[in-house]
Amino acid sequence: MQHPKVPVAALLSSPEDTETQFYEALQQADLSRLMAVWSDEEEVSCVHPGGPRVVGLGAIRAAFEVVFAQGAISVHPERVRRVQTNETAIHQVLERVVVEGGGGKQSAWVIATNVYLKTAQGWRMVVHHASPGTAHDIQEVIEEPATLH
């Protein structure tokens, strides 16, 4: 007996759920999963570090197709600062991107702002704006005291 497929919206019941899906899709180069987190609003937009503003689902899909042609992205949200109302959530994320270089694996840092709207289909991304991180941003991670669990 086959079980009915769980609708994606069930997995996007909070901005945090949507953000988790977004970063997992990046880590797996899963374009379908990545596009499922986006709202179908006409004015959704995405800015990759150093890139132009890309507007609309078709353009965002095309931009991520180019990115994923290079493979999955080893990106990990390290710190998230949140502002939320009933209908809108804004997350400022410090992302650690692990890249392979001549000297082995190295971390690069990116500051991203992710904006989510609550829709009839659950929380959906409407903006992802990423910029290169600065030495100050990296210091935030280095100086944070270790927490014992």
C-alpha atoms as a PDB file:
ATOM      1  CA  MET A   1       0.000   0.000   0.000  1.00  0.00           C
ATOM      2  CA  GLN A   2       1.430   3.358  -1.022  1.00  0.00           C
ATOM      3  CA  HIS A   3       1.183   6.287   1.298  1.00  0.00           C
ATOM      4  CA  PRO A   4       0.069   9.587  -0.163  1.00  0.00           C
ATOM      5  CA  LYS A   5       2.912  12.010  -0.734  1.00  0.00           C
ATOM      6  CA  VAL A   6       3.175  14.540   2.083  1.00  0.00           C
ATOM      7  CA  PRO A   7       2.621  18.010   0.635  1.00  0.00           C
ATOM      8  CA  VAL A   8       5.656  20.274   0.721  1.00  0.00           C
ATOM      9  CA  ALA A   9       3.627  22.910   2.585  1.00  0.00           C
ATOM     10  CA  ALA A  10       3.465  20.592   5.591  1.00  0.00           C
ATOM     11  CA  LEU A  11       7.238  20.815   5.770  1.00  0.00           C
ATOM     12  CA  LEU A  12       7.178  24.621   5.640  1.00  0.00           C
ATOM     13  CA  SER A  13       5.137  25.301   8.739  1.00  0.00           C
ATOM     14  CA  SER A  14       7.596  27.898  10.087  1.00  0.00           C
ATOM     15  CA  PRO A  15      10.256  30.220   8.676  1.00  0.00           C
ATOM     16  CA  GLU A  16      12.866  27.945  10.278  1.00  0.00           C
ATOM     17  CA  ASP A  17      11.465  24.898   8.427  1.00  0.00           C
ATOM     18  CA  THR A  18      11.628  26.799   5.142  1.00  0.00           C
ATOM     19  CA  GLU A  19      15.182  27.947   5.844  1.00  0.00           C
ATOM     20  CA  THR A  20      16.274  24.389   6.685  1.00  0.00           C
ATOM     21  CA  GLN A  21      14.806  23.162   3.381  1.00  0.00           C
ATOM     22  CA  PHE A  22      16.597  25.967   1.509  1.00  0.00           C
ATOM     23  CA  TYR A  23      20.045  25.182   2.941  1.00  0.00           C
ATOM     24  CA  GLU A  24      19.594  21.418   2.559  1.00  0.00           C
ATOM     25  CA  ALA A  25      18.654  21.956  -1.100  1.00  0.00           C
ATOM     26  CA  LEU A  26      21.841  24.010  -1.594  1.00  0.00           C
ATOM     27  CA  GLN A  27      23.929  21.303   0.075  1.00  0.00           C
ATOM     28  CA  GLN A  28      22.399  18.638  -2.200  1.00  0.00           C
ATOM     29  CA  ALA A  29      22.208  20.732  -5.404  1.00  0.00           C
ATOM     30  CA  ASP A  30      18.490  19.843  -5.484  1.00  0.00           C
ATOM     31  CA  LEU A  31      16.904  22.448  -7.754  1.00  0.00           C
ATOM     32  CA  SER A  32      13.328  21.155  -7.375  1.00  0.00           C
ATOM     33  CA  ARG A  33      13.543  21.201  -3.586  1.00  0.00           C
ATOM     34  CA  LEU A  34      15.174  24.636  -3.639  1.00  0.00           C
ATOM     35  CA  MET A  35      12.470  26.111  -5.869  1.00  0.00           C
ATOM     36  CA  ALA A  36       9.728  24.597  -3.665  1.00  0.00           C
ATOM     37  CA  VAL A  37      10.634  27.002  -0.832  1.00  0.00           C
ATOM     38  CA  TRP A  38      10.049  30.103  -2.971  1.00  0.00           C
ATOM     39  CA  SER A  39       6.769  32.021  -3.014  1.00  0.00           C
ATOM     40  CA  ASP A  40       4.996  32.359  -6.341  1.00  0.00           C
ATOM     41  CA  GLU A  41       4.928  36.147  -5.932  1.00  0.00           C
ATOM     42  CA  GLU A  42       6.038  37.984  -9.089  1.00  0.00           C
ATOM     43  CA  GLU A  43       8.579  40.110  -7.267  1.00  0.00           C
ATOM     44  CA  VAL A  44      10.608  37.386  -5.522  1.00  0.00           C
ATOM     45  CA  SER A  45      14.295  38.224  -5.798  1.00  0.00           C
ATOM     46  CA  CYS A  46      17.708  36.742  -5.238  1.00  0.00           C
ATOM     47  CA  VAL A  47      21.188  38.267  -5.105  1.00  0.00           C
ATOM     48  CA  HIS A  48      24.239  36.000  -5.072  1.00  0.00           C
ATOM     49  CA  PRO A  49      27.491  37.433  -3.614  1.00  0.00           C
ATOM     50  CA  GLY A  50      28.830  40.002  -6.056  1.00  0.00           C
ATOM     51  CA  GLY A  51      25.979  39.349  -8.498  1.00  0.00           C
ATOM     52  CA  PRO A  52      23.028  41.317  -9.838  1.00  0.00           C
ATOM     53  CA  ARG A  53      19.495  41.230  -8.488  1.00  0.00           C
ATOM     54  CA  VAL A  54      17.550  38.417 -10.158  1.00  0.00           C
ATOM     55  CA  VAL A  55      13.748  38.856 -10.120  1.00  0.00           C
ATOM     56  CA  GLY A  56      11.062  36.240 -10.730  1.00  0.00           C
ATOM     57  CA  LEU A  57      10.918  32.473 -10.309  1.00  0.00           C
ATOM     58  CA  GLY A  58      12.145  31.696 -13.838  1.00  0.00           C
ATOM     59  CA  ALA A  59      15.206  33.902 -13.477  1.00  0.00           C
ATOM     60  CA  ILE A  60      15.948  32.559  -9.988  1.00  0.00           C
ATOM     61  CA  ARG A  61      15.694  28.965 -11.272  1.00  0.00           C
ATOM     62  CA  ALA A  62      18.068  29.790 -14.147  1.00  0.00           C
ATOM     63  CA  ALA A  63      20.569  31.419 -11.759  1.00  0.00           C
ATOM     64  CA  PHE A  64      20.597  28.367  -9.471  1.00  0.00           C
ATOM     65  CA  GLU A  65      20.922  26.022 -12.475  1.00  0.00           C
ATOM     66  CA  VAL A  66      24.194  27.817 -13.263  1.00  0.00           C
ATOM     67  CA  VAL A  67      25.327  27.587  -9.630  1.00  0.00           C
ATOM     68  CA  PHE A  68      24.432  23.879  -9.363  1.00  0.00           C
ATOM     69  CA  ALA A  69      26.262  23.119 -12.628  1.00  0.00           C
ATOM     70  CA  GLN A  70      29.392  23.536 -10.468  1.00  0.00           C
ATOM     71  CA  GLY A  71      28.027  21.030  -7.934  1.00  0.00           C
ATOM     72  CA  ALA A  72      26.465  21.186  -4.505  1.00  0.00           C
ATOM     73  CA  ILE A  73      27.295  24.069  -2.181  1.00  0.00           C
ATOM     74  CA  SER A  74      28.736  23.190   1.193  1.00  0.00           C
ATOM     75  CA  VAL A  75      26.989  26.050   2.991  1.00  0.00           C
ATOM     76  CA  HIS A  76      26.094  25.996   6.663  1.00  0.00           C
ATOM     77  CA  PRO A  77      24.121  28.678   8.531  1.00  0.00           C
ATOM     78  CA  GLU A  78      26.244  29.513  11.580  1.00  0.00           C
ATOM     79  CA  ARG A  79      24.362  32.394  13.187  1.00  0.00           C
ATOM     80  CA  VAL A  80      20.822  33.589  12.555  1.00  0.00           C
ATOM     81  CA  ARG A  81      19.309  36.841  13.794  1.00  0.00           C
ATOM     82  CA  ARG A  82      15.517  36.843  13.502  1.00  0.00           C
ATOM     83  CA  VAL A  83      12.747  39.451  13.325  1.00  0.00           C
ATOM     84  CA  GLN A  84       9.229  38.085  12.908  1.00  0.00           C
ATOM     85  CA  THR A  85       5.634  39.260  12.776  1.00  0.00           C
ATOM     86  CA  ASN A  86       2.542  37.119  12.162  1.00  0.00           C
ATOM     87  CA  GLU A  87       3.004  37.253   8.375  1.00  0.00           C
ATOM     88  CA  THR A  88       6.686  38.109   7.764  1.00  0.00           C
ATOM     89  CA  ALA A  89      10.033  36.803   8.973  1.00  0.00           C
ATOM     90  CA  ILE A  90      13.444  38.308   8.280  1.00  0.00           C
ATOM     91  CA  HIS A  91      16.535  36.211   8.992  1.00  0.00           C
ATOM     92  CA  GLN A  92      20.042  37.611   8.819  1.00  0.00           C
ATOM     93  CA  VAL A  93      22.297  34.599   8.437  1.00  0.00           C
ATOM     94  CA  LEU A  94      26.050  34.240   8.750  1.00  0.00           C
ATOM     95  CA  GLU A  95      26.826  31.429   6.308  1.00  0.00           C
ATOM     96  CA  ARG A  96      30.007  29.349   6.347  1.00  0.00           C
ATOM     97  CA  VAL A  97      30.800  28.084   2.866  1.00  0.00           C
ATOM     98  CA  VAL A  98      33.416  25.322   2.692  1.00  0.00           C
ATOM     99  CA  VAL A  99      35.429  25.454  -0.523  1.00  0.00           C
ATOM    100  CA  GLU A 100      38.121  23.135  -1.857  1.00  0.00           C
ATOM    101  CA  GLY A 101      41.297  24.967  -2.753  1.00  0.00           C
ATOM    102  CA  GLY A 102      44.933  24.203  -3.472  1.00  0.00           C
ATOM    103  CA  GLY A 103      45.570  24.103   0.277  1.00  0.00           C
ATOM    104  CA  GLY A 104      42.626  21.838   1.064  1.00  0.00           C
ATOM    105  CA  LYS A 105      39.283  22.844   2.536  1.00  0.00           C
ATOM    106  CA  GLN A 106      38.836  26.458   3.544  1.00  0.00           C
ATOM    107  CA  SER A 107      35.894  28.431   4.906  1.00  0.00           C
ATOM    108  CA  ALA A 108      34.494  31.508   3.261  1.00  0.00           C
ATOM    109  CA  TRP A 109      31.899  33.651   5.007  1.00  0.00           C
ATOM    110  CA  VAL A 110      28.735  35.107   3.547  1.00  0.00           C
ATOM    111  CA  ILE A 111      26.097  37.363   5.080  1.00  0.00           C
ATOM    112  CA  ALA A 112      22.612  36.569   3.806  1.00  0.00           C
ATOM    113  CA  THR A 113      19.249  38.141   4.424  1.00  0.00           C
ATOM    114  CA  ASN A 114      16.354  35.736   3.912  1.00  0.00           C
ATOM    115  CA  VAL A 115      12.814  37.106   3.927  1.00  0.00           C
ATOM    116  CA  TYR A 116       9.808  34.803   4.321  1.00  0.00           C
ATOM    117  CA  LEU A 117       6.071  35.445   3.972  1.00  0.00           C
ATOM    118  CA  LYS A 118       3.318  33.348   5.479  1.00  0.00           C
ATOM    119  CA  THR A 119       1.133  32.127   2.605  1.00  0.00           C
ATOM    120  CA  ALA A 120      -1.746  29.688   2.180  1.00  0.00           C
ATOM    121  CA  GLN A 121       0.948  27.107   1.272  1.00  0.00           C
ATOM    122  CA  GLY A 122       3.033  27.772   4.393  1.00  0.00           C
ATOM    123  CA  TRP A 123       6.066  29.994   4.895  1.00  0.00           C
ATOM    124  CA  ARG A 124       7.749  30.821   1.590  1.00  0.00           C
ATOM    125  CA  MET A 125      10.956  32.661   0.716  1.00  0.00           C
ATOM    126  CA  VAL A 126      10.532  35.963  -1.128  1.00  0.00           C
ATOM    127  CA  VAL A 127      14.090  37.352  -0.877  1.00  0.00           C
ATOM    128  CA  HIS A 128      17.552  35.813  -0.564  1.00  0.00           C
ATOM    129  CA  HIS A 129      20.287  38.464  -0.645  1.00  0.00           C
ATOM    130  CA  ALA A 130      23.844  37.276  -0.037  1.00  0.00           C
ATOM    131  CA  SER A 131      27.020  39.356   0.231  1.00  0.00           C
ATOM    132  CA  PRO A 132      30.616  38.512   1.108  1.00  0.00           C
ATOM    133  CA  GLY A 133      31.214  38.484   4.856  1.00  0.00           C
ATOM    134  CA  THR A 134      33.686  40.814   6.538  1.00  0.00           C
ATOM    135  CA  ALA A 135      36.377  40.241   9.150  1.00  0.00           C
ATOM    136  CA  HIS A 136      33.940  41.648  11.748  1.00  0.00           C
ATOM    137  CA  ASP A 137      31.330  39.012  10.850  1.00  0.00           C
ATOM    138  CA  ILE A 138      33.856  36.212  11.158  1.00  0.00           C
ATOM    139  CA  GLN A 139      35.015  37.549  14.536  1.00  0.00           C
ATOM    140  CA  GLU A 140      31.437  37.106  15.804  1.00  0.00           C
ATOM    141  CA  VAL A 141      31.817  33.333  15.376  1.00  0.00           C
ATOM    142  CA  ILE A 142      35.379  33.155  16.733  1.00  0.00           C
ATOM    143  CA  GLU A 143      34.592  35.134  19.890  1.00  0.00           C
ATOM    144  CA  GLU A 144      31.360  33.338  20.810  1.00  0.00           C
ATOM    145  CA  PRO A 145      31.927  31.304  23.962  1.00  0.00           C
ATOM    146  CA  ALA A 146      31.576  27.564  23.679  1.00  0.00           C
ATOM    147  CA  THR A 147      28.356  26.136  25.069  1.00  0.00           C
ATOM    148  CA  LEU A 148      28.329  22.808  26.845  1.00  0.00           C
ATOM    149  CA  HIS A 149      25.234  20.652  26.338  1.00  0.00           C
END
